[in-house]
Amino acid sequence: MGRKQYLIFAALLIAGIGMFVGAGLIGRSNPPDAALRIPGVEALTPERGDEVLQQQQVSIDLEPGFVVRSFTISPDARCLSPVEVVDFVRVTGGLNIYVYQPDEGKPIIALAPDNNCVRVVFEDIQRPGELQEVEWAFTVN
């Protein structure tokens, strides 16, 4: 390999490594939701700050061994007017995902325009009585 080809190869290799490093730094610019650091919580839908439609399902994915005790949705950003929907929440079997789907005949037939806040109280079945809570807000367009 000639000197010129060697320099071109080295430059391309360095540029490639730089792109991987840059992509890694950019990927870290959105820190994970603080709620996901709460023991037992794996995911929230919609995510904090999302913009969704009025019929969007609202869910929380809990680690195995955790159960929901209260699931409220409030038509504001601070959970000031909660509506309890826990009796209408569907649980997805072994996945431990608790889902509320607004619909006719349910406490909330459509999510409120603008801001909505969800508060879920849950507990670890191995520690009865030790309740934990997660709260998040999103916008409906």
C-alpha atoms as a PDB file:
ATOM      1  CA  MET A   1       0.000   0.000   0.000  1.00  0.00           C
ATOM      2  CA  GLY A   2       1.366   3.391  -0.978  1.00  0.00           C
ATOM      3  CA  ARG A   3       1.903   6.219   1.464  1.00  0.00           C
ATOM      4  CA  LYS A   4      -0.971   8.245  -0.034  1.00  0.00           C
ATOM      5  CA  GLN A   5      -3.410   5.311   0.279  1.00  0.00           C
ATOM      6  CA  TYR A   6      -2.239   4.709   3.830  1.00  0.00           C
ATOM      7  CA  LEU A   7      -2.946   8.358   4.791  1.00  0.00           C
ATOM      8  CA  ILE A   8      -6.421   8.247   3.158  1.00  0.00           C
ATOM      9  CA  PHE A   9      -7.239   4.986   4.970  1.00  0.00           C
ATOM     10  CA  ALA A  10      -6.057   6.433   8.309  1.00  0.00           C
ATOM     11  CA  ALA A  11      -8.100   9.619   7.775  1.00  0.00           C
ATOM     12  CA  LEU A  12     -11.245   7.603   6.973  1.00  0.00           C
ATOM     13  CA  LEU A  13     -10.701   5.397  10.011  1.00  0.00           C
ATOM     14  CA  ILE A  14     -10.297   8.405  12.302  1.00  0.00           C
ATOM     15  CA  ALA A  15     -13.398  10.061  10.782  1.00  0.00           C
ATOM     16  CA  GLY A  16     -15.412   6.874  11.339  1.00  0.00           C
ATOM     17  CA  ILE A  17     -14.348   6.631  14.956  1.00  0.00           C
ATOM     18  CA  GLY A  18     -15.212  10.311  15.404  1.00  0.00           C
ATOM     19  CA  MET A  19     -18.692   9.708  14.008  1.00  0.00           C
ATOM     20  CA  PHE A  20     -19.314   6.856  16.478  1.00  0.00           C
ATOM     21  CA  VAL A  21     -18.142   9.019  19.389  1.00  0.00           C
ATOM     22  CA  GLY A  22     -20.319  11.924  18.203  1.00  0.00           C
ATOM     23  CA  ALA A  23     -23.369   9.688  17.825  1.00  0.00           C
ATOM     24  CA  GLY A  24     -22.830   8.377  21.338  1.00  0.00           C
ATOM     25  CA  LEU A  25     -22.673  11.891  22.779  1.00  0.00           C
ATOM     26  CA  ILE A  26     -25.759  13.016  20.874  1.00  0.00           C
ATOM     27  CA  GLY A  27     -27.657   9.916  21.995  1.00  0.00           C
ATOM     28  CA  ARG A  28     -27.026  10.853  25.621  1.00  0.00           C
ATOM     29  CA  SER A  29     -28.425  14.366  25.246  1.00  0.00           C
ATOM     30  CA  ASN A  30     -31.916  13.149  26.219  1.00  0.00           C
ATOM     31  CA  PRO A  31     -31.584  11.744  29.734  1.00  0.00           C
ATOM     32  CA  PRO A  32     -34.037   9.004  30.709  1.00  0.00           C
ATOM     33  CA  ASP A  33     -37.204  10.062  32.475  1.00  0.00           C
ATOM     34  CA  ALA A  34     -36.665  10.322  36.234  1.00  0.00           C
ATOM     35  CA  ALA A  35     -39.784   8.173  36.721  1.00  0.00           C
ATOM     36  CA  LEU A  36     -37.958   5.262  35.139  1.00  0.00           C
ATOM     37  CA  ARG A  37     -35.469   5.365  38.009  1.00  0.00           C
ATOM     38  CA  ILE A  38     -38.221   4.532  40.490  1.00  0.00           C
ATOM     39  CA  PRO A  39     -37.923   0.860  41.450  1.00  0.00           C
ATOM     40  CA  GLY A  40     -40.681  -1.072  39.741  1.00  0.00           C
ATOM     41  CA  VAL A  41     -41.335   1.305  36.815  1.00  0.00           C
ATOM     42  CA  GLU A  42     -40.197   0.174  33.367  1.00  0.00           C
ATOM     43  CA  ALA A  43     -42.115   2.506  30.999  1.00  0.00           C
ATOM     44  CA  LEU A  44     -44.837   5.162  30.793  1.00  0.00           C
ATOM     45  CA  THR A  45     -47.180   5.740  27.843  1.00  0.00           C
ATOM     46  CA  PRO A  46     -47.500   8.410  26.678  1.00  0.00           C
ATOM     47  CA  GLU A  47     -44.136   9.582  27.872  1.00  0.00           C
ATOM     48  CA  ARG A  48     -43.742  12.724  29.938  1.00  0.00           C
ATOM     49  CA  GLY A  49     -44.217  15.775  27.712  1.00  0.00           C
ATOM     50  CA  ASP A  50     -45.581  13.870  24.683  1.00  0.00           C
ATOM     51  CA  GLU A  51     -48.316  15.306  22.470  1.00  0.00           C
ATOM     52  CA  VAL A  52     -51.059  12.761  21.748  1.00  0.00           C
ATOM     53  CA  LEU A  53     -54.625  12.366  20.471  1.00  0.00           C
ATOM     54  CA  GLN A  54     -57.707  12.341  22.755  1.00  0.00           C
ATOM     55  CA  GLN A  55     -58.225   8.575  22.405  1.00  0.00           C
ATOM     56  CA  GLN A  56     -54.611   7.708  23.276  1.00  0.00           C
ATOM     57  CA  GLN A  57     -54.280   4.825  25.708  1.00  0.00           C
ATOM     58  CA  VAL A  58     -52.483   5.606  28.948  1.00  0.00           C
ATOM     59  CA  SER A  59     -50.314   2.920  30.500  1.00  0.00           C
ATOM     60  CA  ILE A  60     -47.605   2.038  32.939  1.00  0.00           C
ATOM     61  CA  ASP A  61     -45.309  -0.948  32.573  1.00  0.00           C
ATOM     62  CA  LEU A  62     -44.255  -2.299  35.959  1.00  0.00           C
ATOM     63  CA  GLU A  63     -41.617  -4.853  36.794  1.00  0.00           C
ATOM     64  CA  PRO A  64     -42.928  -8.292  37.810  1.00  0.00           C
ATOM     65  CA  GLY A  65     -44.007  -8.370  41.436  1.00  0.00           C
ATOM     66  CA  PHE A  66     -45.549  -4.885  41.475  1.00  0.00           C
ATOM     67  CA  VAL A  67     -49.298  -4.129  41.402  1.00  0.00           C
ATOM     68  CA  VAL A  68     -51.264  -0.937  40.763  1.00  0.00           C
ATOM     69  CA  ARG A  69     -53.467   0.249  43.641  1.00  0.00           C
ATOM     70  CA  SER A  70     -54.672   3.571  42.173  1.00  0.00           C
ATOM     71  CA  PHE A  71     -54.652   4.957  38.615  1.00  0.00           C
ATOM     72  CA  THR A  72     -55.958   8.510  38.172  1.00  0.00           C
ATOM     73  CA  ILE A  73     -56.094  10.873  35.209  1.00  0.00           C
ATOM     74  CA  SER A  74     -56.580  14.595  35.700  1.00  0.00           C
ATOM     75  CA  PRO A  75     -57.459  17.228  33.051  1.00  0.00           C
ATOM     76  CA  ASP A  76     -54.618  19.528  34.084  1.00  0.00           C
ATOM     77  CA  ALA A  77     -50.827  19.490  34.304  1.00  0.00           C
ATOM     78  CA  ARG A  78     -50.638  19.106  38.109  1.00  0.00           C
ATOM     79  CA  CYS A  79     -53.102  16.307  38.910  1.00  0.00           C
ATOM     80  CA  LEU A  80     -55.439  18.705  40.731  1.00  0.00           C
ATOM     81  CA  SER A  81     -58.743  17.110  39.596  1.00  0.00           C
ATOM     82  CA  PRO A  82     -58.067  13.363  39.514  1.00  0.00           C
ATOM     83  CA  VAL A  83     -60.560  10.855  38.143  1.00  0.00           C
ATOM     84  CA  GLU A  84     -60.017   7.301  39.430  1.00  0.00           C
ATOM     85  CA  VAL A  85     -59.966   4.798  36.551  1.00  0.00           C
ATOM     86  CA  VAL A  86     -58.301   1.790  38.205  1.00  0.00           C
ATOM     87  CA  ASP A  87     -61.445  -0.355  37.880  1.00  0.00           C
ATOM     88  CA  PHE A  88     -61.333   0.156  34.103  1.00  0.00           C
ATOM     89  CA  VAL A  89     -57.628  -0.597  33.652  1.00  0.00           C
ATOM     90  CA  ARG A  90     -56.728  -3.688  31.617  1.00  0.00           C
ATOM     91  CA  VAL A  91     -53.715  -5.694  32.782  1.00  0.00           C
ATOM     92  CA  THR A  92     -51.605  -7.373  30.131  1.00  0.00           C
ATOM     93  CA  GLY A  93     -50.798 -10.776  31.618  1.00  0.00           C
ATOM     94  CA  GLY A  94     -47.174 -11.688  32.205  1.00  0.00           C
ATOM     95  CA  LEU A  95     -45.959  -8.329  30.917  1.00  0.00           C
ATOM     96  CA  ASN A  96     -47.438  -6.461  33.907  1.00  0.00           C
ATOM     97  CA  ILE A  97     -48.614  -3.527  31.763  1.00  0.00           C
ATOM     98  CA  TYR A  98     -51.609  -1.599  33.113  1.00  0.00           C
ATOM     99  CA  VAL A  99     -53.566   0.139  30.311  1.00  0.00           C
ATOM    100  CA  TYR A 100     -56.473   2.596  30.385  1.00  0.00           C
ATOM    101  CA  GLN A 101     -58.210   3.253  27.065  1.00  0.00           C
ATOM    102  CA  PRO A 102     -60.652   6.203  27.068  1.00  0.00           C
ATOM    103  CA  ASP A 103     -64.022   5.104  25.663  1.00  0.00           C
ATOM    104  CA  GLU A 104     -67.794   5.414  26.005  1.00  0.00           C
ATOM    105  CA  GLY A 105     -69.103   4.013  29.278  1.00  0.00           C
ATOM    106  CA  LYS A 106     -65.852   4.677  31.145  1.00  0.00           C
ATOM    107  CA  PRO A 107     -65.073   7.496  33.609  1.00  0.00           C
ATOM    108  CA  ILE A 108     -63.066   9.301  30.924  1.00  0.00           C
ATOM    109  CA  ILE A 109     -64.393   8.960  27.385  1.00  0.00           C
ATOM    110  CA  ALA A 110     -61.638  11.127  25.872  1.00  0.00           C
ATOM    111  CA  LEU A 111     -58.539  12.767  27.281  1.00  0.00           C
ATOM    112  CA  ALA A 112     -58.954  16.473  27.987  1.00  0.00           C
ATOM    113  CA  PRO A 113     -57.680  18.984  25.426  1.00  0.00           C
ATOM    114  CA  ASP A 114     -54.350  20.541  26.375  1.00  0.00           C
ATOM    115  CA  ASN A 115     -52.764  19.175  29.566  1.00  0.00           C
ATOM    116  CA  ASN A 116     -53.412  15.841  31.282  1.00  0.00           C
ATOM    117  CA  CYS A 117     -51.735  14.404  34.350  1.00  0.00           C
ATOM    118  CA  VAL A 118     -51.577  10.765  35.391  1.00  0.00           C
ATOM    119  CA  ARG A 119     -50.817   9.528  38.886  1.00  0.00           C
ATOM    120  CA  VAL A 120     -50.303   5.833  39.590  1.00  0.00           C
ATOM    121  CA  VAL A 121     -49.875   4.407  43.064  1.00  0.00           C
ATOM    122  CA  PHE A 122     -48.367   0.929  43.185  1.00  0.00           C
ATOM    123  CA  GLU A 123     -46.722  -1.475  45.580  1.00  0.00           C
ATOM    124  CA  ASP A 124     -44.265  -4.336  45.658  1.00  0.00           C
ATOM    125  CA  ILE A 125     -46.223  -7.446  46.620  1.00  0.00           C
ATOM    126  CA  GLN A 126     -43.269  -8.551  48.734  1.00  0.00           C
ATOM    127  CA  ARG A 127     -43.583  -5.345  50.797  1.00  0.00           C
ATOM    128  CA  PRO A 128     -47.312  -4.888  51.401  1.00  0.00           C
ATOM    129  CA  GLY A 129     -48.318  -1.428  52.530  1.00  0.00           C
ATOM    130  CA  GLU A 130     -45.200   0.294  51.174  1.00  0.00           C
ATOM    131  CA  LEU A 131     -46.803   2.344  48.421  1.00  0.00           C
ATOM    132  CA  GLN A 132     -44.886   4.165  45.709  1.00  0.00           C
ATOM    133  CA  GLU A 133     -46.176   6.792  43.321  1.00  0.00           C
ATOM    134  CA  VAL A 134     -45.325   8.079  39.871  1.00  0.00           C
ATOM    135  CA  GLU A 135     -46.849  11.143  38.247  1.00  0.00           C
ATOM    136  CA  TRP A 136     -46.438  12.454  34.722  1.00  0.00           C
ATOM    137  CA  ALA A 137     -48.088  14.938  32.369  1.00  0.00           C
ATOM    138  CA  PHE A 138     -48.576  15.149  28.614  1.00  0.00           C
ATOM    139  CA  THR A 139     -50.490  17.281  26.120  1.00  0.00           C
ATOM    140  CA  VAL A 140     -53.495  16.392  23.956  1.00  0.00           C
ATOM    141  CA  ASN A 141     -53.843  18.192  20.627  1.00  0.00           C
END
